[in-house]
Protein backbone atom coordinates (compact mmCIF):
# COMPACT_ATOMS: atom_id res chain seq x y z
CA MET A 1 30.20 21.80 -103.87
CA LYS A 2 30.66 18.74 -102.25
CA LYS A 3 29.46 17.23 -98.62
CA LYS A 4 32.01 15.80 -96.47
CA GLY A 5 30.47 14.84 -92.73
CA GLY A 6 27.87 16.96 -92.93
CA ARG A 7 29.40 19.92 -93.88
CA LYS A 8 29.61 21.74 -97.36
CA ILE A 9 32.93 22.24 -98.28
CA LEU A 10 33.38 24.93 -101.14
CA GLY A 11 36.53 23.41 -103.88
CA PHE A 12 38.90 26.76 -104.21
CA MET A 13 38.46 26.91 -99.79
CA VAL A 14 40.37 23.64 -100.14
CA LYS A 15 42.88 24.38 -101.98
CA GLU A 16 43.20 27.08 -100.09
CA GLU A 17 44.47 25.94 -97.12
CA LYS A 18 46.50 23.44 -98.31
CA GLU A 19 48.57 26.22 -99.91
CA GLU A 20 49.12 28.25 -96.31
CA ASN A 21 52.41 27.92 -94.67
CA ARG A 22 51.07 26.76 -92.06
CA GLY A 23 54.71 27.21 -90.05
CA SER A 24 54.56 30.91 -89.81
CA VAL A 25 54.12 32.59 -86.73
CA GLU A 26 51.00 34.66 -88.42
CA PHE A 27 49.11 30.92 -88.90
CA GLN A 28 49.95 29.90 -85.15
CA VAL A 29 48.59 32.47 -83.50
CA PHE A 30 45.66 32.44 -85.29
CA SER A 31 45.26 28.34 -85.23
CA PHE A 32 46.08 29.06 -81.39
CA THR A 33 43.08 31.62 -81.14
CA ASN A 34 41.20 29.02 -82.77
CA LYS A 35 41.96 26.36 -80.11
CA ILE A 36 41.67 29.09 -77.28
CA ARG A 37 38.20 30.03 -78.24
CA ARG A 38 36.78 26.34 -78.29
CA LEU A 39 38.15 25.64 -75.63
CA ALA A 40 36.92 28.62 -74.50
CA SER A 41 33.53 27.64 -74.62
CA HIS A 42 33.49 24.59 -73.67
CA LEU A 43 34.42 25.56 -70.25
CA GLU A 44 31.58 27.75 -69.90
CA LEU A 45 28.77 25.13 -69.94
CA HIS A 46 31.57 22.50 -68.64
CA LYS A 47 32.82 24.43 -65.30
CA LYS A 48 34.64 21.82 -63.65
CA ASP A 49 36.05 20.36 -66.87
CA PHE A 50 39.94 20.66 -65.72
CA SER A 51 41.64 18.62 -68.55
CA SER A 52 40.26 20.97 -70.43
CA GLU A 53 40.92 24.28 -68.20
CA ARG A 54 44.56 22.93 -68.07
CA GLY A 55 45.29 22.34 -71.46
CA LEU A 56 43.30 26.19 -72.33
CA ARG A 57 45.84 27.22 -69.56
CA ILE A 58 49.33 25.38 -72.48
CA LEU A 59 47.88 27.08 -74.97
CA LEU A 60 47.26 30.93 -73.49
CA GLY A 61 51.39 30.27 -72.42
CA LYS A 62 51.85 28.90 -76.17
CA ARG A 63 49.93 31.62 -78.15
CA ARG A 64 51.34 34.23 -75.88
CA ARG A 65 55.78 33.08 -76.18
CA LEU A 66 54.51 32.82 -79.52
CA LEU A 67 53.38 36.21 -79.59
CA ALA A 68 56.74 37.89 -77.40
CA TYR A 69 58.54 36.57 -80.47
CA TRP A 70 56.40 37.94 -83.14
CA GLN A 71 56.90 41.26 -81.27
CA ARG A 72 60.72 41.15 -81.02
CA LYS A 73 60.69 39.76 -84.14
CA ILE A 74 59.20 42.49 -86.27
CA GLU A 75 61.02 44.71 -84.45
CA TYR A 76 64.29 43.18 -85.30
CA VAL A 77 63.53 44.35 -88.86
CA ILE A 78 61.83 48.11 -88.50
CA ARG A 79 65.50 48.48 -85.97
CA ASN A 80 67.70 47.14 -89.72
């Protein structure tokens, strides 16, 4: 185990992260979801942080469009 910035990081976890396809639709949706959760919890504490609220709305729109694309892609594969 290595310590980096106060966090313990397992070697195999770092290796798995590098092997992921970060450009895939699944990974992007997962990434947006994590960011949205973080921002939502931040906004519960800081109700008047309108800049973060705007960022949250932008992320929600990006994720919604990406999910719509993913659904169209899956439907296309099923049909053909």
